[in-house]
Amino acid sequence: MFIAAARARKLILYNFQLIGYEPDEAAWLSIRMGVKRDLQARRLRPNAPIPSRRNPLRYLGAMLRETGSIFRAIGSFLHDGAWTSSGGSFRLAEELGFDLVQEATDRLKADGDFRYLEVGGGWAGLKTSASPNARDIAGLARHFGEALGQTAFLHFTNLTRWHTELPNGITEHPYVTAAGLAVVDAQGVTPGSISILYSQAAAYFETDTASFMSAAAALLRPGGLLIFNIPPGQVVTIMNCARKRGLTLGKWRDLGGMNGIVVAFEKRSSSTKARPVEWPSQVSVRANSFQLEENRPHASN
């Protein structure tokens, strides 16, 4: 794992150099821990339920069952916990009332083409048994059928390489962080082309949220949808970045715990006049509120 982690860090730095980005000390520490989570999660079944390390016996027991090795189980205890959403999931979007499969269908019909980008897609649902109701990248791929690779394109990033082979129309962008998302421009994702940009957990751990928001806004097409979750402490930074980058808050919900606050922004078109966006008060956040600023053309409510 140590060799793989060192290689991943080297390639992440290379991608940073391509876009002229230099992470600070706190960001690099977070990336190093994230790489360890990534490598550890790849050994597990997609979406394997791993207990907190605060309960060592339960944690080690679960890791022993998943890895089949007491040495790996003990070794994992030295890392920054397990990444438990490695299968990929649209659950956060559904918490806001979005059906991303229907959302994608509507946008493809309206725009003539559809491009989806997920930050931290993990296995992207491609390592689990096919389900007709799957809410992940694999489910989107099955839904689009022959349109995949023709008018519908699915992209996802990871801190390491998870996949060796993917169907036509699905692209993994390994060694990419949320803050370094702009590098996908050099990998075939044109700025202003993304219809839906989504993150189940990766953006939550990003320390440089300003760089992530800047890259996300540049990649989104006018009317594009951005859904991700944040710690409560990032509220001010996120809203300031949204105003500067032409993003309008649509929905939000406080899920509590490590899920944080899930938000949905839409990119305004250049002809749309910016309107004041009011972030919920701390009182309403603590009450686990749900707010809809206004109905959007593509929103599945």
Protein backbone atom coordinates (compact mmCIF):
# COMPACT_ATOMS: atom_id res chain seq x y z
CA MET A 1 0.00 0.00 0.00
CA PHE A 2 2.85 2.39 0.76
CA ILE A 3 4.26 2.13 -2.78
CA ALA A 4 0.81 2.59 -4.30
CA ALA A 5 0.15 5.59 -2.05
CA ALA A 6 3.47 7.21 -3.01
CA ARG A 7 2.74 6.72 -6.71
CA ALA A 8 -0.74 8.19 -6.34
CA ARG A 9 0.59 11.25 -4.54
CA LYS A 10 3.18 11.77 -7.28
CA LEU A 11 0.52 11.64 -10.01
CA ILE A 12 -1.79 13.95 -8.05
CA LEU A 13 1.06 16.47 -7.82
CA TYR A 14 1.66 16.10 -11.56
CA ASN A 15 -1.99 16.96 -12.23
CA PHE A 16 -1.68 19.95 -9.92
CA GLN A 17 1.32 21.17 -11.92
CA LEU A 18 -0.71 20.96 -15.13
CA ILE A 19 -3.16 23.54 -13.80
CA GLY A 20 -0.67 25.59 -11.79
CA TYR A 21 -2.17 24.62 -8.44
CA GLU A 22 -0.17 24.30 -5.24
CA PRO A 23 -1.92 22.89 -2.16
CA ASP A 24 -1.10 24.26 1.28
CA GLU A 25 0.13 22.06 4.11
CA ALA A 26 -3.34 21.34 5.48
CA ALA A 27 -4.66 20.43 2.03
CA TRP A 28 -1.74 18.09 1.32
CA LEU A 29 -2.21 16.33 4.66
CA SER A 30 -5.89 15.82 3.82
CA ILE A 31 -4.94 14.46 0.37
CA ARG A 32 -2.45 12.00 1.88
CA MET A 33 -5.14 10.67 4.22
CA GLY A 34 -7.64 10.58 1.36
CA VAL A 35 -5.29 8.47 -0.75
CA LYS A 36 -5.03 5.99 2.11
CA ARG A 37 -8.83 5.85 2.38
CA ASP A 38 -9.06 5.28 -1.36
CA LEU A 39 -6.57 2.41 -1.36
CA GLN A 40 -8.20 0.85 1.67
CA ALA A 41 -11.72 1.12 0.23
CA ARG A 42 -10.68 -0.62 -2.99
CA ARG A 43 -10.07 -3.77 -0.96
CA LEU A 44 -13.62 -3.80 0.36
CA ARG A 45 -16.94 -4.76 -1.12
CA PRO A 46 -18.70 -1.71 -2.58
CA ASN A 47 -20.57 0.15 0.18
CA ALA A 48 -19.27 -2.22 2.86
CA PRO A 49 -20.49 -1.02 6.28
CA ILE A 50 -17.36 -0.35 8.32
CA PRO A 51 -17.77 0.69 12.00
CA SER A 52 -15.88 3.63 13.45
CA ARG A 53 -12.36 3.03 14.75
CA ARG A 54 -13.63 4.40 18.06
CA ASN A 55 -14.89 0.86 18.61
CA PRO A 56 -11.67 -1.06 17.87
CA LEU A 57 -13.06 -4.58 18.25
CA ARG A 58 -16.01 -4.00 15.92
CA TYR A 59 -13.81 -2.17 13.44
CA LEU A 60 -11.14 -4.88 13.36
CA GLY A 61 -13.78 -7.61 13.13
CA ALA A 62 -15.42 -5.95 10.14
CA MET A 63 -12.08 -5.37 8.41
CA LEU A 64 -11.07 -8.98 9.02
CA ARG A 65 -14.29 -10.19 7.39
CA GLU A 66 -13.81 -7.86 4.43
CA THR A 67 -10.10 -8.40 3.76
CA GLY A 68 -9.69 -11.97 5.01
CA SER A 69 -6.38 -10.99 6.59
CA ILE A 70 -5.66 -10.12 10.20
CA PHE A 71 -2.52 -8.27 9.07
CA ARG A 72 -4.49 -6.07 6.67
CA ALA A 73 -7.13 -5.48 9.31
CA ILE A 74 -4.56 -4.33 11.85
CA GLY A 75 -2.67 -2.35 9.22
CA SER A 76 -5.84 -0.51 8.22
CA PHE A 77 -6.13 0.70 11.79
CA LEU A 78 -3.12 2.94 11.09
CA HIS A 79 -4.96 4.70 8.27
CA ASP A 80 -7.62 7.37 8.36
CA GLY A 81 -10.59 5.01 8.61
CA ALA A 82 -12.55 3.43 5.77
CA TRP A 83 -14.28 5.05 2.85
CA THR A 84 -17.70 3.50 3.19
CA SER A 85 -19.42 4.89 0.08
CA SER A 86 -17.08 3.33 -2.46
CA GLY A 87 -19.91 1.85 -4.48
CA GLY A 88 -21.18 5.21 -5.68
CA SER A 89 -24.65 6.46 -4.84
CA PHE A 90 -27.13 9.24 -5.64
CA ARG A 91 -28.45 9.20 -2.07
CA LEU A 92 -27.52 12.80 -1.26
CA ALA A 93 -29.37 14.06 -4.35
CA GLU A 94 -32.39 12.02 -3.36
CA GLU A 95 -32.33 13.65 0.08
CA LEU A 96 -33.06 16.92 -1.73
CA GLY A 97 -35.81 15.39 -3.83
CA PHE A 98 -33.80 14.95 -7.03
CA ASP A 99 -34.16 11.83 -9.16
CA LEU A 100 -30.89 12.08 -11.08
CA VAL A 101 -31.92 9.47 -13.65
CA GLN A 102 -35.01 11.48 -14.54
CA GLU A 103 -33.02 14.70 -14.27
CA ALA A 104 -30.51 13.35 -16.77
CA THR A 105 -33.26 12.19 -19.12
CA ASP A 106 -34.93 15.61 -19.09
CA ARG A 107 -31.66 17.43 -19.71
CA LEU A 108 -30.68 15.15 -22.59
CA LYS A 109 -34.05 15.74 -24.22
CA ALA A 110 -33.86 19.51 -23.70
CA ASP A 111 -30.23 20.05 -24.67
CA GLY A 112 -29.59 17.29 -27.20
CA ASP A 113 -26.61 15.97 -25.26
CA PHE A 114 -25.81 15.17 -21.65
CA ARG A 115 -22.53 15.05 -19.73
CA TYR A 116 -22.33 14.00 -16.08
CA LEU A 117 -19.33 14.39 -13.76
CA GLU A 118 -19.03 12.86 -10.30
CA VAL A 119 -16.22 13.77 -7.91
CA GLY A 120 -15.03 10.68 -6.03
CA GLY A 121 -17.07 8.04 -7.83
CA GLY A 122 -15.26 5.00 -6.42
CA TRP A 123 -16.59 1.82 -8.03
CA ALA A 124 -19.46 3.90 -9.49
CA GLY A 125 -21.84 0.98 -9.03
CA LEU A 126 -19.94 -1.01 -11.66
CA LYS A 127 -18.81 -3.74 -9.25
CA THR A 128 -22.23 -4.66 -7.88
CA SER A 129 -25.03 -6.76 -9.32
CA ALA A 130 -27.14 -4.89 -11.86
CA SER A 131 -30.37 -3.51 -10.51
CA PRO A 132 -33.16 -1.89 -12.56
CA ASN A 133 -33.53 0.73 -9.83
CA ALA A 134 -29.83 1.49 -9.35
CA ARG A 135 -29.12 5.10 -8.49
CA ASP A 136 -25.49 5.43 -9.53
CA ILE A 137 -23.33 5.81 -12.63
CA ALA A 138 -23.85 2.18 -13.59
CA GLY A 139 -27.61 2.71 -13.39
CA LEU A 140 -27.34 5.81 -15.60
CA ALA A 141 -25.31 3.85 -18.12
CA ARG A 142 -27.94 1.11 -18.34
CA HIS A 143 -30.68 3.71 -18.58
CA PHE A 144 -29.08 5.51 -21.53
CA GLY A 145 -28.36 2.30 -23.42
CA GLU A 146 -27.29 3.03 -27.01
CA ALA A 147 -27.15 6.77 -26.32
CA LEU A 148 -24.18 6.17 -24.02
CA GLY A 149 -21.05 7.33 -25.81
CA GLN A 150 -23.13 9.01 -28.52
CA THR A 151 -25.11 11.79 -26.83
CA ALA A 152 -24.67 10.82 -23.17
CA PHE A 153 -21.27 10.78 -21.45
CA LEU A 154 -20.48 9.85 -17.85
CA HIS A 155 -17.28 10.94 -16.08
CA PHE A 156 -16.02 10.44 -12.55
CA THR A 157 -12.86 11.20 -10.61
CA ASN A 158 -10.93 9.25 -7.97
CA LEU A 159 -7.79 9.87 -5.95
CA THR A 160 -6.36 6.60 -7.29
CA ARG A 161 -7.19 4.40 -10.28
CA TRP A 162 -10.05 2.05 -9.47
CA HIS A 163 -10.93 0.68 -12.92
CA THR A 164 -8.83 -0.97 -15.61
CA GLU A 165 -11.59 -1.17 -18.23
CA LEU A 166 -14.84 0.73 -18.69
CA PRO A 167 -17.67 0.72 -21.26
CA ASN A 168 -17.65 3.26 -24.07
CA GLY A 169 -19.07 6.54 -22.80
CA ILE A 170 -17.85 6.12 -19.21
CA THR A 171 -14.52 7.71 -18.24
CA GLU A 172 -12.59 7.58 -14.99
CA HIS A 173 -10.24 10.47 -14.20
CA PRO A 174 -7.82 9.10 -11.59
CA TYR A 175 -5.47 11.11 -9.36
CA VAL A 176 -7.83 14.09 -9.32
CA THR A 177 -8.90 15.96 -6.17
CA ALA A 178 -11.94 18.20 -5.79
CA ALA A 179 -9.73 21.31 -5.66
CA GLY A 180 -7.79 20.09 -8.71
CA LEU A 181 -10.93 19.35 -10.72
CA ALA A 182 -9.91 21.83 -13.43
CA VAL A 183 -7.43 19.27 -14.77
CA VAL A 184 -10.26 17.29 -16.43
CA ASP A 185 -10.27 20.06 -19.06
CA ALA A 186 -6.98 18.60 -20.28
CA GLN A 187 -8.56 15.14 -20.25
CA GLY A 188 -11.42 15.76 -22.65
CA VAL A 189 -14.04 17.51 -20.51
CA THR A 190 -14.71 20.88 -22.11
CA PRO A 191 -15.52 23.84 -19.83
CA GLY A 192 -19.21 24.70 -19.96
CA SER A 193 -20.23 21.18 -20.98
CA ILE A 194 -21.33 19.50 -17.73
CA SER A 195 -25.06 19.18 -17.13
CA ILE A 196 -24.84 17.67 -13.64
CA LEU A 197 -21.82 17.78 -11.32
CA TYR A 198 -22.23 15.66 -8.20
CA SER A 199 -20.21 14.53 -5.20
CA GLN A 200 -21.37 12.04 -2.61
CA ALA A 201 -18.53 12.63 -0.14
CA ALA A 202 -15.26 13.73 -1.78
CA ALA A 203 -16.04 17.44 -1.77
CA TYR A 204 -16.95 17.22 1.92
CA PHE A 205 -13.31 16.42 2.79
CA GLU A 206 -11.87 19.09 0.49
CA THR A 207 -10.06 21.81 2.45
CA ASP A 208 -9.78 24.21 -0.51
CA THR A 209 -13.46 24.61 -1.28
CA ALA A 210 -12.87 27.87 -3.17
CA SER A 211 -10.80 26.09 -5.82
CA PHE A 212 -13.38 23.32 -6.08
CA MET A 213 -16.25 25.80 -6.54
CA SER A 214 -14.28 27.75 -9.14
CA ALA A 215 -13.51 24.62 -11.17
CA ALA A 216 -17.06 23.28 -10.83
CA ALA A 217 -18.61 26.57 -11.99
CA ALA A 218 -16.31 26.68 -15.02
CA LEU A 219 -17.20 23.13 -16.03
CA LEU A 220 -20.97 23.54 -15.68
CA ARG A 221 -23.04 24.59 -18.65
CA PRO A 222 -25.62 27.39 -18.17
CA GLY A 223 -28.43 25.88 -16.13
CA GLY A 224 -26.10 23.10 -14.95
CA LEU A 225 -26.75 21.49 -11.58
CA LEU A 226 -24.15 21.17 -8.79
CA ILE A 227 -24.94 18.92 -5.80
CA PHE A 228 -22.54 18.11 -2.96
CA ASN A 229 -22.27 18.13 0.83
CA ILE A 230 -20.24 20.37 3.14
CA PRO A 231 -19.37 20.68 6.82
CA PRO A 232 -21.35 23.46 8.54
CA GLY A 233 -18.15 25.43 9.02
CA GLN A 234 -17.79 25.90 5.23
CA VAL A 235 -21.09 27.76 4.81
CA VAL A 236 -19.63 31.27 4.47
CA THR A 237 -16.88 30.21 2.08
CA ILE A 238 -19.28 28.26 -0.12
CA MET A 239 -21.81 31.06 -0.39
CA ASN A 240 -19.17 33.68 -1.15
CA CYS A 241 -17.75 31.48 -3.90
CA ALA A 242 -21.24 30.82 -5.28
CA ARG A 243 -21.96 34.53 -5.65
CA LYS A 244 -18.66 35.17 -7.40
CA ARG A 245 -19.05 32.24 -9.79
CA GLY A 246 -22.65 32.77 -10.89
CA LEU A 247 -24.16 29.92 -8.90
CA THR A 248 -27.62 30.19 -7.37
CA LEU A 249 -28.64 28.20 -4.31
CA GLY A 250 -31.68 26.05 -5.01
CA LYS A 251 -32.07 23.50 -2.24
CA TRP A 252 -30.31 22.62 0.96
CA ARG A 253 -30.76 20.21 3.81
CA ASP A 254 -28.84 19.56 7.01
CA LEU A 255 -28.40 15.79 7.33
CA GLY A 256 -26.24 16.03 10.43
CA GLY A 257 -23.15 14.07 11.41
CA MET A 258 -20.57 13.27 8.74
CA ASN A 259 -23.15 13.88 6.00
CA GLY A 260 -23.12 17.58 6.84
CA ILE A 261 -25.26 19.97 4.82
CA VAL A 262 -26.18 18.88 1.30
CA VAL A 263 -26.67 21.75 -1.16
CA ALA A 264 -27.82 22.15 -4.75
CA PHE A 265 -26.70 25.09 -6.89
CA GLU A 266 -27.60 26.01 -10.45
CA LYS A 267 -25.33 27.94 -12.79
CA ARG A 268 -26.97 31.11 -14.01
CA SER A 269 -26.85 31.95 -17.71
CA SER A 270 -25.03 35.16 -18.62
CA SER A 271 -28.35 36.85 -19.37
CA THR A 272 -29.84 35.98 -16.00
CA LYS A 273 -29.62 38.73 -13.43
CA ALA A 274 -28.06 37.62 -10.17
CA ARG A 275 -30.46 37.66 -7.25
CA PRO A 276 -29.61 37.78 -3.54
CA VAL A 277 -29.22 34.32 -2.05
CA GLU A 278 -30.03 33.94 1.61
CA TRP A 279 -28.32 31.11 3.41
CA PRO A 280 -30.42 29.47 6.15
CA SER A 281 -29.80 30.70 9.68
CA GLN A 282 -27.97 28.50 12.16
CA VAL A 283 -31.28 28.01 13.98
CA SER A 284 -32.96 26.61 10.88
CA VAL A 285 -29.91 24.48 10.08
CA ARG A 286 -30.02 22.91 13.52
CA ALA A 287 -33.70 22.21 12.94
CA ASN A 288 -32.70 20.10 9.92
CA SER A 289 -34.74 22.29 7.60
CA PHE A 290 -35.46 21.87 3.92
CA GLN A 291 -35.58 24.94 1.70
CA LEU A 292 -36.42 25.49 -1.94
CA GLU A 293 -35.53 28.91 -3.24
CA GLU A 294 -37.54 28.53 -6.42
CA ASN A 295 -38.66 25.96 -8.96
CA ARG A 296 -36.02 25.27 -11.58
CA PRO A 297 -36.69 24.12 -15.16
CA HIS A 298 -34.83 20.84 -14.72
CA ALA A 299 -35.56 20.10 -11.06
CA SER A 300 -37.31 16.85 -10.24
CA ASN A 301 -39.32 17.82 -7.17
